[in-house]
Amino acid sequence: MTLATTLTLKTDSSRRDQTVELVQITDLHLLADPQGLLLGVSTDDTAREVFKFAQSKDWPPDLVLLTGDLAQEPLPETYRRLNELLRSLKTPCVCLPGNHDDPSTMSEQLRGDNVRCLSRVLTDHWQIICLNTSLPEKEGGHVSEESLSQLETLLDEQPDRFALVGIHHPPVSVGCSWLDTMIVDNGDKLLELVRSRPQSRAIVCGHIHQALHLRDRGLEIFGTPSTCFQFMPDSEKFALDELGPGYRRLSLFPDGRIESEVYRLPGKPRGLDQSAAGY
């Protein structure tokens, strides 16, 4: 999947300070059958509940960023149903793939007036860059040389805009032994490039089904809960948590500061099979 287009975004004029309000949604794991269950959970229902919850809190944001594993069954009908949901939000939505997605089918189906698969979003003070870390038939992540070159070009084209990079797989260890086998395998190279540009501020990722916030040499790394089931932090093998589905909201200020908060639905999702050893 080559993400090769740009959206220039005008922030809400009612906010005098030109802060960019971004909602990150990740790991929906939608099935082809909207009535289907994954680990006992209706991922269709939980995704809709999370979007409804987000819409109850200072909606709309300037941008909704979806960071992969949008589908568990990456078929056209799965993405078409998601596309209908995103179009109904009537706010810009940018999508990037995860390891469960089919990047080609995803880019064909996720399109509309407000829905895109893009390489970057430009605002007055920020550049939000989207990278594909997925590999065919692989659970782990990798950033191709082509993508690293594209990232370098995009950063160098916009030295006066603060940079936030969106990916699916985390570039660093998250403290779960089994998940740490799936991080970006050349994450050090990615981080070295991002840190080498003084305007870089943060990386946001999905995949880990839990909240994460690290600060490392001036760079913030955010991981975000799934809209369906959550993984147990600090686990050695696959284990499910009882925390509810959620999303992350980030405020990107004109001076490069970031404020962020995770919001969750109360309680674990209905039907969750916590005895499951994987999926």
Protein backbone atom coordinates (compact mmCIF):
# COMPACT_ATOMS: atom_id res chain seq x y z
CA MET A 1 0.00 0.00 0.00
CA THR A 2 1.50 3.30 -1.04
CA LEU A 3 0.11 6.24 0.88
CA ALA A 4 0.89 9.12 -1.41
CA THR A 5 -1.50 12.00 -0.99
CA THR A 6 -1.88 14.99 1.29
CA LEU A 7 -4.84 16.57 3.06
CA THR A 8 -4.51 20.22 4.00
CA LEU A 9 -6.69 20.76 7.02
CA LYS A 10 -8.18 23.97 8.31
CA THR A 11 -8.65 23.85 12.06
CA ASP A 12 -11.82 24.97 13.81
CA SER A 13 -11.87 28.76 13.51
CA SER A 14 -13.63 29.03 16.88
CA ARG A 15 -10.37 27.99 18.58
CA ARG A 16 -8.31 31.13 18.53
CA ASP A 17 -5.05 29.38 19.37
CA GLN A 18 -5.26 27.07 16.30
CA THR A 19 -4.86 23.93 18.40
CA VAL A 20 -5.43 20.74 16.40
CA GLU A 21 -7.85 18.36 18.11
CA LEU A 22 -7.16 14.77 17.05
CA VAL A 23 -9.06 11.61 17.99
CA GLN A 24 -7.17 8.33 17.55
CA ILE A 25 -9.25 5.21 16.98
CA THR A 26 -7.54 1.86 16.60
CA ASP A 27 -7.89 -1.92 16.39
CA LEU A 28 -11.58 -2.24 15.55
CA HIS A 29 -11.19 -5.83 14.24
CA LEU A 30 -14.45 -5.71 12.30
CA LEU A 31 -15.83 -8.92 10.82
CA ALA A 32 -17.54 -9.41 7.47
CA ASP A 33 -20.77 -10.35 9.26
CA PRO A 34 -21.93 -7.39 11.38
CA GLN A 35 -23.49 -9.90 13.79
CA GLY A 36 -20.27 -11.88 14.13
CA LEU A 37 -18.33 -12.31 17.38
CA LEU A 38 -14.60 -12.28 18.10
CA LEU A 39 -13.57 -13.69 21.49
CA GLY A 40 -17.27 -13.47 22.35
CA VAL A 41 -17.42 -9.76 21.54
CA SER A 42 -19.42 -8.00 18.84
CA THR A 43 -16.64 -5.81 17.47
CA ASP A 44 -19.21 -4.00 15.34
CA ASP A 45 -21.17 -3.00 18.44
CA THR A 46 -18.12 -1.94 20.44
CA ALA A 47 -16.80 0.19 17.58
CA ARG A 48 -20.12 1.98 17.26
CA GLU A 49 -20.31 2.44 21.03
CA VAL A 50 -16.84 3.99 21.13
CA PHE A 51 -17.67 6.39 18.30
CA LYS A 52 -20.91 7.35 20.04
CA PHE A 53 -18.98 7.88 23.27
CA ALA A 54 -16.41 10.06 21.50
CA GLN A 55 -19.18 12.12 19.94
CA SER A 56 -20.48 12.91 23.43
CA LYS A 57 -17.20 14.65 24.33
CA ASP A 58 -16.35 17.93 22.59
CA TRP A 59 -17.18 16.72 19.09
CA PRO A 60 -16.15 17.18 16.33
CA PRO A 61 -12.36 17.04 16.43
CA ASP A 62 -10.35 18.41 13.54
CA LEU A 63 -9.26 14.90 12.55
CA VAL A 64 -10.00 11.25 13.31
CA LEU A 65 -6.90 9.09 12.80
CA LEU A 66 -7.51 5.33 12.52
CA THR A 67 -4.27 3.43 13.12
CA GLY A 68 -4.85 -0.03 11.74
CA ASP A 69 -6.40 -3.44 12.32
CA LEU A 70 -9.63 -1.89 11.18
CA ALA A 71 -10.75 -5.32 9.98
CA GLN A 72 -10.29 -8.82 11.34
CA GLU A 73 -11.79 -10.16 8.11
CA PRO A 74 -10.42 -7.73 5.50
CA LEU A 75 -13.10 -8.16 2.86
CA PRO A 76 -14.74 -5.42 0.76
CA GLU A 77 -18.01 -5.66 2.70
CA THR A 78 -16.19 -5.15 6.00
CA TYR A 79 -14.53 -1.95 4.84
CA ARG A 80 -17.69 -0.72 3.09
CA ARG A 81 -19.58 -0.93 6.37
CA LEU A 82 -16.81 0.97 8.14
CA ASN A 83 -16.77 3.54 5.35
CA GLU A 84 -20.48 4.20 5.90
CA LEU A 85 -19.87 4.70 9.61
CA LEU A 86 -16.95 7.08 9.05
CA ARG A 87 -18.79 9.10 6.42
CA SER A 88 -21.64 9.61 8.89
CA LEU A 89 -19.23 11.37 11.27
CA LYS A 90 -18.92 14.28 8.83
CA THR A 91 -15.40 15.07 10.04
CA PRO A 92 -12.09 14.25 8.30
CA CYS A 93 -11.03 10.62 8.84
CA VAL A 94 -7.61 9.30 7.79
CA CYS A 95 -6.88 5.57 7.85
CA LEU A 96 -3.70 3.48 7.82
CA PRO A 97 -3.38 -0.33 7.78
CA GLY A 98 -2.45 -2.87 10.43
CA ASN A 99 -1.34 -6.48 10.16
CA HIS A 100 -4.93 -7.79 9.97
CA ASP A 101 -5.87 -5.41 7.16
CA ASP A 102 -5.67 -5.87 3.41
CA PRO A 103 -4.09 -2.55 2.40
CA SER A 104 -5.27 -2.70 -1.20
CA THR A 105 -8.89 -3.53 -0.38
CA MET A 106 -8.84 -1.01 2.43
CA SER A 107 -7.69 1.85 0.20
CA GLU A 108 -10.26 0.90 -2.44
CA GLN A 109 -13.19 0.88 -0.03
CA LEU A 110 -12.33 3.58 2.51
CA ARG A 111 -13.02 6.65 0.47
CA GLY A 112 -15.51 9.46 0.55
CA ASP A 113 -15.80 13.19 1.05
CA ASN A 114 -14.30 12.90 4.54
CA VAL A 115 -12.61 9.45 4.46
CA ARG A 116 -9.12 8.87 3.03
CA CYS A 117 -6.00 6.71 3.13
CA LEU A 118 -3.23 9.31 3.01
CA SER A 119 0.47 9.88 3.52
CA ARG A 120 0.05 13.06 5.51
CA VAL A 121 -2.17 15.79 6.88
CA LEU A 122 -0.98 19.39 6.99
CA THR A 123 -2.32 22.03 9.37
CA ASP A 124 -1.08 25.54 10.05
CA HIS A 125 1.51 24.33 12.58
CA TRP A 126 1.60 20.52 12.31
CA GLN A 127 2.36 17.72 9.87
CA ILE A 128 0.77 14.34 10.64
CA ILE A 129 2.55 11.58 8.70
CA CYS A 130 1.03 8.12 8.17
CA LEU A 131 3.26 5.07 7.63
CA ASN A 132 2.41 1.48 6.76
CA THR A 133 4.23 -0.93 9.11
CA SER A 134 2.33 -4.05 8.03
CA LEU A 135 3.84 -6.99 6.14
CA PRO A 136 1.85 -9.58 4.15
CA GLU A 137 1.03 -12.67 6.24
CA LYS A 138 3.10 -11.36 9.19
CA GLU A 139 1.99 -10.26 12.64
CA GLY A 140 5.03 -8.10 13.31
CA GLY A 141 5.88 -4.68 11.95
CA HIS A 142 8.48 -3.29 9.58
CA VAL A 143 9.08 0.07 7.91
CA SER A 144 10.32 -0.41 4.35
CA GLU A 145 13.26 1.52 2.96
CA GLU A 146 10.81 3.22 0.61
CA SER A 147 8.69 4.35 3.54
CA LEU A 148 11.72 5.55 5.49
CA SER A 149 12.83 7.54 2.46
CA GLN A 150 9.34 9.00 2.10
CA LEU A 151 9.29 9.90 5.79
CA GLU A 152 12.64 11.66 5.48
CA THR A 153 11.40 13.60 2.46
CA LEU A 154 8.17 14.65 4.17
CA LEU A 155 10.00 15.78 7.30
CA ASP A 156 12.53 17.76 5.28
CA GLU A 157 9.81 19.39 3.20
CA GLN A 158 8.17 20.84 6.31
CA PRO A 159 10.88 21.88 8.78
CA ASP A 160 8.67 24.62 10.22
CA ARG A 161 5.76 22.32 11.04
CA PHE A 162 5.86 20.12 14.14
CA ALA A 163 5.62 16.44 13.23
CA LEU A 164 3.53 13.58 14.56
CA VAL A 165 3.93 10.12 12.98
CA GLY A 166 1.08 7.61 12.94
CA ILE A 167 1.82 3.87 12.63
CA HIS A 168 0.17 0.59 13.63
CA HIS A 169 2.92 -1.39 15.35
CA PRO A 170 4.82 0.12 18.29
CA PRO A 171 8.46 1.03 17.56
CA VAL A 172 9.61 0.08 21.09
CA SER A 173 9.07 -2.60 23.71
CA VAL A 174 5.76 -2.21 25.55
CA GLY A 175 6.51 -4.58 28.44
CA CYS A 176 4.43 -7.55 27.24
CA SER A 177 6.75 -10.39 26.24
CA TRP A 178 4.45 -11.81 23.57
CA LEU A 179 3.60 -8.41 22.07
CA ASP A 180 7.25 -7.38 22.06
CA THR A 181 7.90 -10.06 19.43
CA MET A 182 5.73 -8.01 17.05
CA ILE A 183 7.11 -4.49 17.41
CA VAL A 184 8.58 -2.73 14.38
CA ASP A 185 11.67 -4.84 13.72
CA ASN A 186 13.65 -1.82 12.52
CA GLY A 187 12.14 0.50 15.09
CA ASP A 188 15.57 1.83 16.07
CA LYS A 189 16.09 3.05 12.52
CA LEU A 190 12.66 4.68 12.48
CA LEU A 191 13.24 6.38 15.82
CA GLU A 192 16.71 7.57 14.79
CA LEU A 193 15.26 9.25 11.71
CA VAL A 194 12.33 10.82 13.55
CA ARG A 195 14.51 12.09 16.41
CA SER A 196 17.05 13.54 13.97
CA ARG A 197 14.55 16.21 12.91
CA PRO A 198 14.06 18.84 15.61
CA GLN A 199 10.42 19.44 14.70
CA SER A 200 9.45 15.84 15.54
CA ARG A 201 7.25 15.58 18.61
CA ALA A 202 5.43 12.23 18.79
CA ILE A 203 4.63 8.79 17.42
CA VAL A 204 1.15 7.32 17.91
CA CYS A 205 0.47 3.61 17.41
CA GLY A 206 -2.10 0.89 17.83
CA HIS A 207 -1.70 -2.92 17.91
CA ILE A 208 -1.15 -3.24 21.66
CA HIS A 209 -4.80 -2.96 22.82
CA GLN A 210 -3.78 -0.92 25.88
CA ALA A 211 -2.79 2.59 26.85
CA LEU A 212 0.88 3.54 26.65
CA HIS A 213 2.71 6.84 27.07
CA LEU A 214 6.50 6.97 26.98
CA ARG A 215 8.88 9.92 26.77
CA ASP A 216 12.20 9.14 25.17
CA ARG A 217 14.80 11.80 24.37
CA GLY A 218 12.30 14.50 23.52
CA LEU A 219 9.92 12.22 21.64
CA GLU A 220 6.57 11.10 23.02
CA ILE A 221 5.22 7.65 22.11
CA PHE A 222 1.52 6.96 22.58
CA GLY A 223 -0.29 3.63 22.39
CA THR A 224 -4.06 3.47 22.49
CA PRO A 225 -6.76 1.06 23.64
CA SER A 226 -8.71 -0.97 21.11
CA THR A 227 -12.36 -0.28 20.41
CA CYS A 228 -13.03 -3.94 21.29
CA PHE A 229 -11.09 -6.09 23.81
CA GLN A 230 -7.94 -5.12 25.72
CA PHE A 231 -4.68 -6.97 26.36
CA MET A 232 -3.33 -7.35 29.88
CA PRO A 233 -0.36 -5.02 30.51
CA ASP A 234 2.95 -6.62 31.51
CA SER A 235 1.78 -10.09 30.45
CA GLU A 236 4.21 -12.80 29.33
CA LYS A 237 1.65 -14.54 27.10
CA PHE A 238 -1.68 -13.65 25.53
CA ALA A 239 -4.07 -12.45 28.24
CA LEU A 240 -7.17 -10.26 28.22
CA ASP A 241 -7.85 -7.36 30.55
CA GLU A 242 -11.23 -6.36 31.99
CA LEU A 243 -10.88 -2.70 31.03
CA GLY A 244 -13.39 -1.25 28.63
CA PRO A 245 -12.91 -0.26 24.99
CA GLY A 246 -11.64 3.24 24.35
CA TYR A 247 -9.89 5.85 22.26
CA ARG A 248 -7.30 8.59 22.65
CA ARG A 249 -7.71 12.32 22.19
CA LEU A 250 -4.67 14.52 21.49
CA SER A 251 -4.45 18.31 21.49
CA LEU A 252 -1.62 19.54 19.27
CA PHE A 253 -0.72 23.09 20.21
CA PRO A 254 0.83 25.68 17.88
CA ASP A 255 4.00 25.78 20.02
CA GLY A 256 4.62 22.02 19.66
CA ARG A 257 3.16 20.93 22.99
CA ILE A 258 0.88 17.90 23.16
CA GLU A 259 -1.79 17.10 25.71
CA SER A 260 -3.46 13.71 25.57
CA GLU A 261 -6.04 11.66 27.42
CA VAL A 262 -7.52 8.19 27.03
CA TYR A 263 -11.28 7.74 27.35
CA ARG A 264 -12.88 4.36 28.01
CA LEU A 265 -16.34 2.88 28.13
CA PRO A 266 -17.19 1.53 31.59
CA GLY A 267 -16.60 -2.16 32.16
CA LYS A 268 -15.39 -4.96 29.94
CA PRO A 269 -17.20 -5.55 26.64
CA ARG A 270 -20.28 -7.77 26.70
CA GLY A 271 -19.60 -11.46 26.11
CA LEU A 272 -15.80 -11.27 26.46
CA ASP A 273 -14.25 -14.74 26.75
CA GLN A 274 -11.34 -14.10 29.09
CA SER A 275 -10.27 -17.74 28.93
CA ALA A 276 -9.25 -17.35 25.28
CA ALA A 277 -5.61 -18.11 24.47
CA GLY A 278 -5.55 -16.09 21.25
CA TYR A 279 -7.55 -15.24 18.16
